[in-house]
């Protein structure tokens, strides 16, 4: 399973990687066959967003989920939505607090990994 997190804190990202046995990677280019977690901080620079869009589009078949935190508050995250594989884009409300955010992330990742039944997760 390869997951891209956009706008999720490093603390939560690290706990998710540990919990699901995912390897932390630093760039979209590092996404391999399986087992990667990439955390991308929110971006404002249109050039960087375009580069991310292009890189994600090239690797669409290797990305299992794109999860964006704070989508409503971050206009630039809309670009991330366009380059996410169809049916694999999820948004979370960052205003709910880190504990709730981590719980919701766990439900999504748990469902995608098969650790949770769909009715229990997303």
PDB file of N, CA and C in Angstrom:
ATOM      1  N   UNK A   1       0.852  -1.165   0.000  1.00  0.00           N
ATOM      2  CA  UNK A   1       0.000   0.000   0.000  1.00  0.00           C
ATOM      3  C   UNK A   1       0.901   1.232   0.000  1.00  0.00           C
ATOM      4  N   UNK A   2       0.630   2.174  -0.890  1.00  0.00           N
ATOM      5  CA  UNK A   2       1.355   3.440  -0.973  1.00  0.00           C
ATOM      6  C   UNK A   2       0.381   4.585  -0.726  1.00  0.00           C
ATOM      7  N   UNK A   3       0.712   5.424   0.236  1.00  0.00           N
ATOM      8  CA  UNK A   3      -0.189   6.500   0.644  1.00  0.00           C
ATOM      9  C   UNK A   3       0.538   7.835   0.598  1.00  0.00           C
ATOM     10  N   UNK A   4      -0.169   8.850   0.104  1.00  0.00           N
ATOM     11  CA  UNK A   4       0.328  10.223   0.112  1.00  0.00           C
ATOM     12  C   UNK A   4      -0.533  11.008   1.087  1.00  0.00           C
ATOM     13  N   UNK A   5       0.105  11.626   2.075  1.00  0.00           N
ATOM     14  CA  UNK A   5      -0.584  12.494   3.031  1.00  0.00           C
ATOM     15  C   UNK A   5      -0.213  13.928   2.705  1.00  0.00           C
ATOM     16  N   UNK A   6      -1.203  14.791   2.596  1.00  0.00           N
ATOM     17  CA  UNK A   6      -0.967  16.206   2.290  1.00  0.00           C
ATOM     18  C   UNK A   6      -1.502  17.047   3.437  1.00  0.00           C
ATOM     19  N   UNK A   7      -0.603  17.791   4.085  1.00  0.00           N
ATOM     20  CA  UNK A   7      -1.028  18.678   5.167  1.00  0.00           C
ATOM     21  C   UNK A   7      -1.198  17.995   6.508  1.00  0.00           C
ATOM     22  N   UNK A   8      -0.644  16.809   6.686  1.00  0.00           N
ATOM     23  CA  UNK A   8      -0.732  16.077   7.945  1.00  0.00           C
ATOM     24  C   UNK A   8       0.577  16.291   8.705  1.00  0.00           C
ATOM     25  N   UNK A   9       0.481  16.505  10.004  1.00  0.00           N
ATOM     26  CA  UNK A   9       1.677  16.779  10.808  1.00  0.00           C
ATOM     27  C   UNK A   9       2.655  15.602  10.769  1.00  0.00           C
ATOM     28  N   UNK A  10       3.920  15.921  10.993  1.00  0.00           N
ATOM     29  CA  UNK A  10       4.953  14.888  11.006  1.00  0.00           C
ATOM     30  C   UNK A  10       4.725  13.883  12.143  1.00  0.00           C
ATOM     31  N   UNK A  11       4.224  14.362  13.267  1.00  0.00           N
ATOM     32  CA  UNK A  11       3.967  13.483  14.405  1.00  0.00           C
ATOM     33  C   UNK A  11       2.951  12.410  14.054  1.00  0.00           C
ATOM     34  N   UNK A  12       1.837  12.828  13.482  1.00  0.00           N
ATOM     35  CA  UNK A  12       0.788  11.887  13.091  1.00  0.00           C
ATOM     36  C   UNK A  12       1.286  10.982  11.965  1.00  0.00           C
ATOM     37  N   UNK A  13       2.004  11.549  11.016  1.00  0.00           N
ATOM     38  CA  UNK A  13       2.536  10.759   9.906  1.00  0.00           C
ATOM     39  C   UNK A  13       3.445   9.648  10.426  1.00  0.00           C
ATOM     40  N   UNK A  14       4.315   9.984  11.354  1.00  0.00           N
ATOM     41  CA  UNK A  14       5.242   8.990  11.903  1.00  0.00           C
ATOM     42  C   UNK A  14       4.491   7.869  12.609  1.00  0.00           C
ATOM     43  N   UNK A  15       3.473   8.215  13.385  1.00  0.00           N
ATOM     44  CA  UNK A  15       2.691   7.185  14.081  1.00  0.00           C
ATOM     45  C   UNK A  15       1.950   6.286  13.094  1.00  0.00           C
ATOM     46  N   UNK A  16       1.445   6.858  12.013  1.00  0.00           N
ATOM     47  CA  UNK A  16       0.750   6.056  10.997  1.00  0.00           C
ATOM     48  C   UNK A  16       1.726   5.093  10.315  1.00  0.00           C
ATOM     49  N   UNK A  17       2.914   5.575  10.019  1.00  0.00           N
ATOM     50  CA  UNK A  17       3.924   4.722   9.377  1.00  0.00           C
ATOM     51  C   UNK A  17       4.273   3.540  10.285  1.00  0.00           C
ATOM     52  N   UNK A  18       4.469   3.804  11.557  1.00  0.00           N
ATOM     53  CA  UNK A  18       4.792   2.745  12.511  1.00  0.00           C
ATOM     54  C   UNK A  18       3.640   1.758  12.659  1.00  0.00           C
ATOM     55  N   UNK A  19       2.439   2.277  12.805  1.00  0.00           N
ATOM     56  CA  UNK A  19       1.264   1.435  13.035  1.00  0.00           C
ATOM     57  C   UNK A  19       1.014   0.471  11.868  1.00  0.00           C
ATOM     58  N   UNK A  20       1.233   0.927  10.645  1.00  0.00           N
ATOM     59  CA  UNK A  20       0.907   0.109   9.474  1.00  0.00           C
ATOM     60  C   UNK A  20       2.134  -0.432   8.753  1.00  0.00           C
ATOM     61  N   UNK A  21       3.314  -0.283   9.349  1.00  0.00           N
ATOM     62  CA  UNK A  21       4.528  -0.836   8.776  1.00  0.00           C
ATOM     63  C   UNK A  21       4.893  -0.234   7.430  1.00  0.00           C
ATOM     64  N   UNK A  22       4.651   1.064   7.277  1.00  0.00           N
ATOM     65  CA  UNK A  22       4.953   1.749   6.024  1.00  0.00           C
ATOM     66  C   UNK A  22       6.297   2.455   6.115  1.00  0.00           C
ATOM     67  N   UNK A  23       7.024   2.437   5.027  1.00  0.00           N
ATOM     68  CA  UNK A  23       8.320   3.113   4.962  1.00  0.00           C
ATOM     69  C   UNK A  23       8.097   4.583   4.630  1.00  0.00           C
ATOM     70  N   UNK A  24       8.665   5.465   5.456  1.00  0.00           N
ATOM     71  CA  UNK A  24       8.587   6.901   5.187  1.00  0.00           C
ATOM     72  C   UNK A  24       9.491   7.232   4.006  1.00  0.00           C
ATOM     73  N   UNK A  25       8.957   7.934   3.033  1.00  0.00           N
ATOM     74  CA  UNK A  25       9.754   8.393   1.902  1.00  0.00           C
ATOM     75  C   UNK A  25       9.674   9.905   1.837  1.00  0.00           C
ATOM     76  N   UNK A  26      10.605  10.521   1.096  1.00  0.00           N
ATOM     77  CA  UNK A  26      10.697  11.977   1.074  1.00  0.00           C
ATOM     78  C   UNK A  26      10.196  12.618  -0.210  1.00  0.00           C
ATOM     79  N   UNK A  27      10.115  11.854  -1.296  1.00  0.00           N
ATOM     80  CA  UNK A  27       9.651  12.409  -2.566  1.00  0.00           C
ATOM     81  C   UNK A  27       8.715  11.429  -3.248  1.00  0.00           C
ATOM     82  N   UNK A  28       7.871  11.953  -4.087  1.00  0.00           N
ATOM     83  CA  UNK A  28       6.919  11.119  -4.830  1.00  0.00           C
ATOM     84  C   UNK A  28       7.657  10.143  -5.748  1.00  0.00           C
ATOM     85  N   UNK A  29       8.834  10.519  -6.186  1.00  0.00           N
ATOM     86  CA  UNK A  29       9.620   9.666  -7.065  1.00  0.00           C
ATOM     87  C   UNK A  29      10.059   8.374  -6.391  1.00  0.00           C
ATOM     88  N   UNK A  30      10.071   8.343  -5.065  1.00  0.00           N
ATOM     89  CA  UNK A  30      10.502   7.166  -4.311  1.00  0.00           C
ATOM     90  C   UNK A  30       9.408   6.116  -4.144  1.00  0.00           C
ATOM     91  N   UNK A  31       8.195   6.405  -4.554  1.00  0.00           N
ATOM     92  CA  UNK A  31       7.113   5.439  -4.379  1.00  0.00           C
ATOM     93  C   UNK A  31       7.455   4.174  -5.160  1.00  0.00           C
ATOM     94  N   UNK A  32       7.471   3.061  -4.442  1.00  0.00           N
ATOM     95  CA  UNK A  32       7.823   1.784  -5.047  1.00  0.00           C
ATOM     96  C   UNK A  32       6.598   0.928  -5.293  1.00  0.00           C
ATOM     97  N   UNK A  33       6.807  -0.360  -5.267  1.00  0.00           N
ATOM     98  CA  UNK A  33       5.717  -1.287  -5.529  1.00  0.00           C
ATOM     99  C   UNK A  33       4.705  -1.296  -4.392  1.00  0.00           C
ATOM    100  N   UNK A  34       5.177  -1.196  -3.141  1.00  0.00           N
ATOM    101  CA  UNK A  34       4.256  -1.239  -2.019  1.00  0.00           C
ATOM    102  C   UNK A  34       4.945  -0.833  -0.727  1.00  0.00           C
ATOM    103  N   UNK A  35       4.136  -0.312   0.194  1.00  0.00           N
ATOM    104  CA  UNK A  35       4.607  -0.045   1.537  1.00  0.00           C
ATOM    105  C   UNK A  35       5.243   1.297   1.800  1.00  0.00           C
ATOM    106  N   UNK A  36       4.788   2.352   1.115  1.00  0.00           N
ATOM    107  CA  UNK A  36       5.379   3.682   1.283  1.00  0.00           C
ATOM    108  C   UNK A  36       4.375   4.677   1.842  1.00  0.00           C
ATOM    109  N   UNK A  37       4.895   5.634   2.599  1.00  0.00           N
ATOM    110  CA  UNK A  37       4.083   6.727   3.118  1.00  0.00           C
ATOM    111  C   UNK A  37       4.843   8.027   2.879  1.00  0.00           C
ATOM    112  N   UNK A  38       4.233   8.911   2.106  1.00  0.00           N
ATOM    113  CA  UNK A  38       4.828  10.210   1.790  1.00  0.00           C
ATOM    114  C   UNK A  38       3.993  11.301   2.425  1.00  0.00           C
ATOM    115  N   UNK A  39       4.639  12.162   3.185  1.00  0.00           N
ATOM    116  CA  UNK A  39       3.969  13.303   3.792  1.00  0.00           C
ATOM    117  C   UNK A  39       4.417  14.569   3.065  1.00  0.00           C
ATOM    118  N   UNK A  40       3.456  15.316   2.538  1.00  0.00           N
ATOM    119  CA  UNK A  40       3.744  16.550   1.805  1.00  0.00           C
ATOM    120  C   UNK A  40       3.145  17.717   2.574  1.00  0.00           C
ATOM    121  N   UNK A  41       3.972  18.690   2.941  1.00  0.00           N
ATOM    122  CA  UNK A  41       3.428  19.875   3.617  1.00  0.00           C
ATOM    123  C   UNK A  41       2.631  20.716   2.626  1.00  0.00           C
ATOM    124  N   UNK A  42       1.686  21.511   3.105  1.00  0.00           N
ATOM    125  CA  UNK A  42       0.929  22.377   2.188  1.00  0.00           C
ATOM    126  C   UNK A  42       1.862  23.279   1.381  1.00  0.00           C
ATOM    127  N   UNK A  43       1.530  23.454   0.128  1.00  0.00           N
ATOM    128  CA  UNK A  43       2.358  24.257  -0.781  1.00  0.00           C
ATOM    129  C   UNK A  43       1.570  25.455  -1.291  1.00  0.00           C
ATOM    130  N   UNK A  44       2.267  26.542  -1.516  1.00  0.00           N
ATOM    131  CA  UNK A  44       1.667  27.740  -2.095  1.00  0.00           C
ATOM    132  C   UNK A  44       2.228  28.036  -3.482  1.00  0.00           C
ATOM    133  N   UNK A  45       3.439  27.584  -3.745  1.00  0.00           N
ATOM    134  CA  UNK A  45       4.124  27.875  -4.997  1.00  0.00           C
ATOM    135  C   UNK A  45       3.500  27.089  -6.154  1.00  0.00           C
ATOM    136  N   UNK A  46       2.928  27.770  -7.153  1.00  0.00           N
ATOM    137  CA  UNK A  46       2.296  27.082  -8.276  1.00  0.00           C
ATOM    138  C   UNK A  46       3.239  26.150  -9.039  1.00  0.00           C
ATOM    139  N   UNK A  47       4.511  26.488  -9.115  1.00  0.00           N
ATOM    140  CA  UNK A  47       5.472  25.628  -9.816  1.00  0.00           C
ATOM    141  C   UNK A  47       5.675  24.307  -9.088  1.00  0.00           C
ATOM    142  N   UNK A  48       5.780  24.394  -7.780  1.00  0.00           N
ATOM    143  CA  UNK A  48       5.931  23.158  -6.986  1.00  0.00           C
ATOM    144  C   UNK A  48       4.670  22.304  -7.077  1.00  0.00           C
ATOM    145  N   UNK A  49       3.503  22.943  -7.059  1.00  0.00           N
ATOM    146  CA  UNK A  49       2.252  22.196  -7.199  1.00  0.00           C
ATOM    147  C   UNK A  49       2.161  21.517  -8.560  1.00  0.00           C
ATOM    148  N   UNK A  50       2.579  22.212  -9.610  1.00  0.00           N
ATOM    149  CA  UNK A  50       2.561  21.629 -10.947  1.00  0.00           C
ATOM    150  C   UNK A  50       3.522  20.442 -11.022  1.00  0.00           C
ATOM    151  N   UNK A  51       4.693  20.579 -10.423  1.00  0.00           N
ATOM    152  CA  UNK A  51       5.656  19.474 -10.403  1.00  0.00           C
ATOM    153  C   UNK A  51       5.079  18.270  -9.646  1.00  0.00           C
ATOM    154  N   UNK A  52       4.405  18.527  -8.520  1.00  0.00           N
ATOM    155  CA  UNK A  52       3.764  17.451  -7.760  1.00  0.00           C
ATOM    156  C   UNK A  52       2.669  16.803  -8.593  1.00  0.00           C
ATOM    157  N   UNK A  53       1.865  17.597  -9.222  1.00  0.00           N
ATOM    158  CA  UNK A  53       0.787  17.088 -10.079  1.00  0.00           C
ATOM    159  C   UNK A  53       1.354  16.148 -11.143  1.00  0.00           C
ATOM    160  N   UNK A  54       2.393  16.593 -11.832  1.00  0.00           N
ATOM    161  CA  UNK A  54       2.996  15.778 -12.890  1.00  0.00           C
ATOM    162  C   UNK A  54       3.581  14.485 -12.338  1.00  0.00           C
ATOM    163  N   UNK A  55       4.280  14.583 -11.223  1.00  0.00           N
ATOM    164  CA  UNK A  55       4.900  13.395 -10.621  1.00  0.00           C
ATOM    165  C   UNK A  55       3.844  12.392 -10.155  1.00  0.00           C
ATOM    166  N   UNK A  56       2.759  12.881  -9.549  1.00  0.00           N
ATOM    167  CA  UNK A  56       1.702  11.979  -9.095  1.00  0.00           C
ATOM    168  C   UNK A  56       0.973  11.347 -10.273  1.00  0.00           C
ATOM    169  N   UNK A  57       0.766  12.103 -11.323  1.00  0.00           N
ATOM    170  CA  UNK A  57       0.091  11.572 -12.498  1.00  0.00           C
ATOM    171  C   UNK A  57       0.903  10.431 -13.109  1.00  0.00           C
ATOM    172  N   UNK A  58       2.212  10.576 -13.152  1.00  0.00           N
ATOM    173  CA  UNK A  58       3.078   9.530 -13.705  1.00  0.00           C
ATOM    174  C   UNK A  58       3.055   8.256 -12.860  1.00  0.00           C
ATOM    175  N   UNK A  59       2.768   8.380 -11.567  1.00  0.00           N
ATOM    176  CA  UNK A  59       2.796   7.238 -10.654  1.00  0.00           C
ATOM    177  C   UNK A  59       1.410   6.848 -10.157  1.00  0.00           C
ATOM    178  N   UNK A  60       0.401   7.273 -10.843  1.00  0.00           N
ATOM    179  CA  UNK A  60      -0.984   7.048 -10.426  1.00  0.00           C
ATOM    180  C   UNK A  60      -1.278   5.578 -10.124  1.00  0.00           C
ATOM    181  N   UNK A  61      -0.734   4.683 -10.902  1.00  0.00           N
ATOM    182  CA  UNK A  61      -1.013   3.263 -10.709  1.00  0.00           C
ATOM    183  C   UNK A  61      -0.356   2.687  -9.451  1.00  0.00           C
ATOM    184  N   UNK A  62       0.577   3.398  -8.845  1.00  0.00           N
ATOM    185  CA  UNK A  62       1.260   2.929  -7.634  1.00  0.00           C
ATOM    186  C   UNK A  62       0.724   3.589  -6.366  1.00  0.00           C
ATOM    187  N   UNK A  63      -0.188   4.539  -6.497  1.00  0.00           N
ATOM    188  CA  UNK A  63      -0.722   5.255  -5.335  1.00  0.00           C
ATOM    189  C   UNK A  63      -2.070   4.655  -4.954  1.00  0.00           C
ATOM    190  N   UNK A  64      -2.169   4.208  -3.699  1.00  0.00           N
ATOM    191  CA  UNK A  64      -3.404   3.592  -3.224  1.00  0.00           C
ATOM    192  C   UNK A  64      -4.351   4.583  -2.570  1.00  0.00           C
ATOM    193  N   UNK A  65      -3.812   5.675  -2.041  1.00  0.00           N
ATOM    194  CA  UNK A  65      -4.665   6.685  -1.408  1.00  0.00           C
ATOM    195  C   UNK A  65      -3.919   8.006  -1.306  1.00  0.00           C
ATOM    196  N   UNK A  66      -4.680   9.075  -1.485  1.00  0.00           N
ATOM    197  CA  UNK A  66      -4.200  10.432  -1.246  1.00  0.00           C
ATOM    198  C   UNK A  66      -5.138  11.011  -0.199  1.00  0.00           C
ATOM    199  N   UNK A  67      -4.582  11.362   0.951  1.00  0.00           N
ATOM    200  CA  UNK A  67      -5.393  11.863   2.063  1.00  0.00           C
ATOM    201  C   UNK A  67      -4.946  13.284   2.374  1.00  0.00           C
ATOM    202  N   UNK A  68      -5.894  14.214   2.273  1.00  0.00           N
ATOM    203  CA  UNK A  68      -5.608  15.633   2.471  1.00  0.00           C
ATOM    204  C   UNK A  68      -6.254  16.105   3.762  1.00  0.00           C
ATOM    205  N   UNK A  69      -5.478  16.785   4.578  1.00  0.00           N
ATOM    206  CA  UNK A  69      -5.968  17.338   5.829  1.00  0.00           C
ATOM    207  C   UNK A  69      -6.142  18.842   5.671  1.00  0.00           C
ATOM    208  N   UNK A  70      -7.282  19.343   6.029  1.00  0.00           N
ATOM    209  CA  UNK A  70      -7.522  20.769   5.945  1.00  0.00           C
ATOM    210  C   UNK A  70      -7.878  21.228   4.546  1.00  0.00           C
ATOM    211  N   UNK A  71      -8.530  20.392   3.797  1.00  0.00           N
ATOM    212  CA  UNK A  71      -8.870  20.690   2.400  1.00  0.00           C
ATOM    213  C   UNK A  71      -9.653  21.986   2.259  1.00  0.00           C
ATOM    214  N   UNK A  72     -10.621  22.215   3.116  1.00  0.00           N
ATOM    215  CA  UNK A  72     -11.449  23.420   3.002  1.00  0.00           C
ATOM    216  C   UNK A  72     -10.647  24.692   3.235  1.00  0.00           C
ATOM    217  N   UNK A  73      -9.621  24.593   4.076  1.00  0.00           N
ATOM    218  CA  UNK A  73      -8.830  25.779   4.406  1.00  0.00           C
ATOM    219  C   UNK A  73      -7.652  25.992   3.468  1.00  0.00           C
ATOM    220  N   UNK A  74      -7.386  25.063   2.601  1.00  0.00           N
ATOM    221  CA  UNK A  74      -6.186  25.133   1.768  1.00  0.00           C
ATOM    222  C   UNK A  74      -6.563  25.083   0.290  1.00  0.00           C
ATOM    223  N   UNK A  75      -6.648  26.232  -0.335  1.00  0.00           N
ATOM    224  CA  UNK A  75      -7.034  26.309  -1.746  1.00  0.00           C
ATOM    225  C   UNK A  75      -6.103  25.512  -2.650  1.00  0.00           C
ATOM    226  N   UNK A  76      -4.816  25.486  -2.318  1.00  0.00           N
ATOM    227  CA  UNK A  76      -3.857  24.804  -3.180  1.00  0.00           C
ATOM    228  C   UNK A  76      -4.042  23.296  -3.191  1.00  0.00           C
ATOM    229  N   UNK A  77      -4.705  22.737  -2.202  1.00  0.00           N
ATOM    230  CA  UNK A  77      -4.904  21.289  -2.150  1.00  0.00           C
ATOM    231  C   UNK A  77      -5.801  20.801  -3.278  1.00  0.00           C
ATOM    232  N   UNK A  78      -6.522  21.686  -3.927  1.00  0.00           N
ATOM    233  CA  UNK A  78      -7.381  21.265  -5.037  1.00  0.00           C
ATOM    234  C   UNK A  78      -6.561  20.654  -6.167  1.00  0.00           C
ATOM    235  N   UNK A  79      -5.353  21.134  -6.360  1.00  0.00           N
ATOM    236  CA  UNK A  79      -4.474  20.543  -7.363  1.00  0.00           C
ATOM    237  C   UNK A  79      -4.193  19.093  -7.014  1.00  0.00           C
ATOM    238  N   UNK A  80      -3.983  18.812  -5.738  1.00  0.00           N
ATOM    239  CA  UNK A  80      -3.716  17.450  -5.298  1.00  0.00           C
ATOM    240  C   UNK A  80      -4.899  16.552  -5.638  1.00  0.00           C
ATOM    241  N   UNK A  81      -6.104  17.058  -5.515  1.00  0.00           N
ATOM    242  CA  UNK A  81      -7.292  16.267  -5.832  1.00  0.00           C
ATOM    243  C   UNK A  81      -7.297  15.846  -7.302  1.00  0.00           C
ATOM    244  N   UNK A  82      -6.905  16.741  -8.184  1.00  0.00           N
ATOM    245  CA  UNK A  82      -6.928  16.423  -9.610  1.00  0.00           C
ATOM    246  C   UNK A  82      -5.924  15.354 -10.005  1.00  0.00           C
ATOM    247  N   UNK A  83      -4.835  15.226  -9.274  1.00  0.00           N
ATOM    248  CA  UNK A  83      -3.831  14.232  -9.642  1.00  0.00           C
ATOM    249  C   UNK A  83      -3.950  12.954  -8.824  1.00  0.00           C
ATOM    250  N   UNK A  84      -4.931  12.870  -7.939  1.00  0.00           N
ATOM    251  CA  UNK A  84      -5.144  11.646  -7.167  1.00  0.00           C
ATOM    252  C   UNK A  84      -5.902  10.639  -8.028  1.00  0.00           C
ATOM    253  N   UNK A  85      -5.549   9.370  -7.902  1.00  0.00           N
ATOM    254  CA  UNK A  85      -6.288   8.345  -8.631  1.00  0.00           C
ATOM    255  C   UNK A  85      -7.776   8.387  -8.248  1.00  0.00           C
ATOM    256  N   UNK A  86      -8.631   8.188  -9.221  1.00  0.00           N
ATOM    257  CA  UNK A  86     -10.072   8.263  -8.978  1.00  0.00           C
ATOM    258  C   UNK A  86     -10.489   7.225  -7.931  1.00  0.00           C
ATOM    259  N   UNK A  87     -11.297   7.674  -6.978  1.00  0.00           N
ATOM    260  CA  UNK A  87     -11.778   6.810  -5.919  1.00  0.00           C
ATOM    261  C   UNK A  87     -10.778   6.600  -4.791  1.00  0.00           C
ATOM    262  N   UNK A  88      -9.641   7.277  -4.856  1.00  0.00           N
ATOM    263  CA  UNK A  88      -8.605   7.104  -3.847  1.00  0.00           C
ATOM    264  C   UNK A  88      -8.250   8.421  -3.167  1.00  0.00           C
ATOM    265  N   UNK A  89      -9.150   9.386  -3.232  1.00  0.00           N
ATOM    266  CA  UNK A  89      -8.909  10.704  -2.657  1.00  0.00           C
ATOM    267  C   UNK A  89      -9.809  10.885  -1.447  1.00  0.00           C
ATOM    268  N   UNK A  90      -9.212  11.255  -0.309  1.00  0.00           N
ATOM    269  CA  UNK A  90      -9.948  11.435   0.936  1.00  0.00           C
ATOM    270  C   UNK A  90      -9.558  12.776   1.558  1.00  0.00           C
ATOM    271  N   UNK A  91     -10.510  13.443   2.192  1.00  0.00           N
ATOM    272  CA  UNK A  91     -10.222  14.689   2.889  1.00  0.00           C
ATOM    273  C   UNK A  91     -10.617  14.539   4.358  1.00  0.00           C
ATOM    274  N   UNK A  92      -9.858  15.220   5.202  1.00  0.00           N
ATOM    275  CA  UNK A  92     -10.129  15.213   6.632  1.00  0.00           C
ATOM    276  C   UNK A  92     -10.147  16.647   7.139  1.00  0.00           C
ATOM    277  N   UNK A  93     -10.920  16.884   8.180  1.00  0.00           N
ATOM    278  CA  UNK A  93     -11.023  18.202   8.783  1.00  0.00           C
ATOM    279  C   UNK A  93      -9.923  18.364   9.824  1.00  0.00           C
ATOM    280  N   UNK A  94      -9.008  19.275   9.573  1.00  0.00           N
ATOM    281  CA  UNK A  94      -7.891  19.473  10.495  1.00  0.00           C
ATOM    282  C   UNK A  94      -8.296  20.217  11.765  1.00  0.00           C
ATOM    283  N   UNK A  95      -9.489  20.802  11.791  1.00  0.00           N
ATOM    284  CA  UNK A  95      -9.933  21.555  12.961  1.00  0.00           C
ATOM    285  C   UNK A  95     -10.387  20.650  14.097  1.00  0.00           C
ATOM    286  N   UNK A  96     -10.548  19.370  13.831  1.00  0.00           N
ATOM    287  CA  UNK A  96     -11.074  18.451  14.837  1.00  0.00           C
ATOM    288  C   UNK A  96     -10.067  18.097  15.917  1.00  0.00           C
ATOM    289  N   UNK A  97      -8.796  18.375  15.702  1.00  0.00           N
ATOM    290  CA  UNK A  97      -7.767  18.043  16.681  1.00  0.00           C
ATOM    291  C   UNK A  97      -6.960  16.843  16.233  1.00  0.00           C
ATOM    292  N   UNK A  98      -5.736  16.766  16.735  1.00  0.00           N
ATOM    293  CA  UNK A  98      -4.802  15.733  16.292  1.00  0.00           C
ATOM    294  C   UNK A  98      -5.278  14.321  16.615  1.00  0.00           C
ATOM    295  N   UNK A  99      -5.901  14.123  17.782  1.00  0.00           N
ATOM    296  CA  UNK A  99      -6.367  12.788  18.174  1.00  0.00           C
ATOM    297  C   UNK A  99      -7.470  12.293  17.238  1.00  0.00           C
ATOM    298  N   UNK A 100      -8.428  13.149  16.934  1.00  0.00           N
ATOM    299  CA  UNK A 100      -9.519  12.784  16.025  1.00  0.00           C
ATOM    300  C   UNK A 100      -8.980  12.565  14.615  1.00  0.00           C
ATOM    301  N   UNK A 101      -8.075  13.426  14.196  1.00  0.00           N
ATOM    302  CA  UNK A 101      -7.459  13.292  12.882  1.00  0.00           C
ATOM    303  C   UNK A 101      -6.764  11.936  12.758  1.00  0.00           C
ATOM    304  N   UNK A 102      -5.996  11.566  13.755  1.00  0.00           N
ATOM    305  CA  UNK A 102      -5.293  10.285  13.713  1.00  0.00           C
ATOM    306  C   UNK A 102      -6.271   9.111  13.690  1.00  0.00           C
ATOM    307  N   UNK A 103      -7.343   9.214  14.428  1.00  0.00           N
ATOM    308  CA  UNK A 103      -8.360   8.157  14.430  1.00  0.00           C
ATOM    309  C   UNK A 103      -8.991   8.009  13.041  1.00  0.00           C
ATOM    310  N   UNK A 104      -9.313   9.123  12.409  1.00  0.00           N
ATOM    311  CA  UNK A 104      -9.912   9.070  11.079  1.00  0.00           C
ATOM    312  C   UNK A 104      -8.927   8.543  10.040  1.00  0.00           C
ATOM    313  N   UNK A 105      -7.674   8.961  10.151  1.00  0.00           N
ATOM    314  CA  UNK A 105      -6.640   8.427   9.266  1.00  0.00           C
ATOM    315  C   UNK A 105      -6.525   6.918   9.441  1.00  0.00           C
ATOM    316  N   UNK A 106      -6.549   6.457  10.679  1.00  0.00           N
ATOM    317  CA  UNK A 106      -6.461   5.025  10.959  1.00  0.00           C
ATOM    318  C   UNK A 106      -7.623   4.260  10.340  1.00  0.00           C
ATOM    319  N   UNK A 107      -8.784   4.835  10.352  1.00  0.00           N
ATOM    320  CA  UNK A 107      -9.939   4.172   9.732  1.00  0.00           C
ATOM    321  C   UNK A 107      -9.756   4.036   8.226  1.00  0.00           C
ATOM    322  N   UNK A 108      -9.278   5.084   7.594  1.00  0.00           N
ATOM    323  CA  UNK A 108      -9.060   5.038   6.143  1.00  0.00           C
ATOM    324  C   UNK A 108      -7.978   4.021   5.802  1.00  0.00           C
ATOM    325  N   UNK A 109      -6.823   4.148   6.446  1.00  0.00           N
ATOM    326  CA  UNK A 109      -5.704   3.255   6.153  1.00  0.00           C
ATOM    327  C   UNK A 109      -6.042   1.820   6.548  1.00  0.00           C
ATOM    328  N   UNK A 110      -6.705   1.641   7.667  1.00  0.00           N
ATOM    329  CA  UNK A 110      -7.118   0.302   8.096  1.00  0.00           C
ATOM    330  C   UNK A 110      -8.069  -0.354   7.113  1.00  0.00           C
ATOM    331  N   UNK A 111      -8.985   0.413   6.574  1.00  0.00           N
ATOM    332  CA  UNK A 111      -9.918  -0.113   5.580  1.00  0.00           C
ATOM    333  C   UNK A 111      -9.186  -0.474   4.293  1.00  0.00           C
ATOM    334  N   UNK A 112      -8.307   0.412   3.838  1.00  0.00           N
ATOM    335  CA  UNK A 112      -7.564   0.152   2.604  1.00  0.00           C
ATOM    336  C   UNK A 112      -6.632  -1.047   2.737  1.00  0.00           C
ATOM    337  N   UNK A 113      -6.083  -1.256   3.920  1.00  0.00           N
ATOM    338  CA  UNK A 113      -5.159  -2.362   4.136  1.00  0.00           C
ATOM    339  C   UNK A 113      -5.866  -3.687   4.402  1.00  0.00           C
ATOM    340  N   UNK A 114      -7.177  -3.624   4.637  1.00  0.00           N
ATOM    341  CA  UNK A 114      -7.926  -4.836   4.927  1.00  0.00           C
ATOM    342  C   UNK A 114      -7.997  -5.158   6.406  1.00  0.00           C
ATOM    343  N   UNK A 115      -7.420  -4.318   7.253  1.00  0.00           N
ATOM    344  CA  UNK A 115      -7.447  -4.550   8.692  1.00  0.00           C
ATOM    345  C   UNK A 115      -8.824  -4.249   9.288  1.00  0.00           C
ATOM    346  N   UNK A 116      -9.614  -3.409   8.610  1.00  0.00           N
ATOM    347  CA  UNK A 116     -10.978  -3.083   9.042  1.00  0.00           C
ATOM    348  C   UNK A 116     -11.940  -3.394   7.909  1.00  0.00           C
ATOM    349  N   UNK A 117     -13.133  -3.809   8.262  1.00  0.00           N
ATOM    350  CA  UNK A 117     -14.187  -3.958   7.255  1.00  0.00           C
ATOM    351  C   UNK A 117     -14.647  -2.559   6.856  1.00  0.00           C
ATOM    352  N   UNK A 118     -15.116  -2.400   5.630  1.00  0.00           N
ATOM    353  CA  UNK A 118     -15.512  -1.085   5.121  1.00  0.00           C
ATOM    354  C   UNK A 118     -16.569  -0.433   6.005  1.00  0.00           C
ATOM    355  N   UNK A 119     -17.506  -1.205   6.556  1.00  0.00           N
ATOM    356  CA  UNK A 119     -18.557  -0.600   7.380  1.00  0.00           C
ATOM    357  C   UNK A 119     -18.014  -0.081   8.710  1.00  0.00           C
ATOM    358  N   UNK A 120     -16.847  -0.575   9.140  1.00  0.00           N
ATOM    359  CA  UNK A 120     -16.237  -0.099  10.377  1.00  0.00           C
ATOM    360  C   UNK A 120     -15.317   1.094  10.114  1.00  0.00           C
ATOM    361  N   UNK A 121     -14.778   1.173   8.907  1.00  0.00           N
ATOM    362  CA  UNK A 121     -13.809   2.220   8.584  1.00  0.00           C
ATOM    363  C   UNK A 121     -14.431   3.390   7.899  1.00  0.00           C
ATOM    364  N   UNK A 122     -14.253   3.475   6.586  1.00  0.00           N
ATOM    365  CA  UNK A 122     -14.714   4.643   5.836  1.00  0.00           C
ATOM    366  C   UNK A 122     -16.114   4.472   5.301  1.00  0.00           C
TER     367      UNK A 122
END
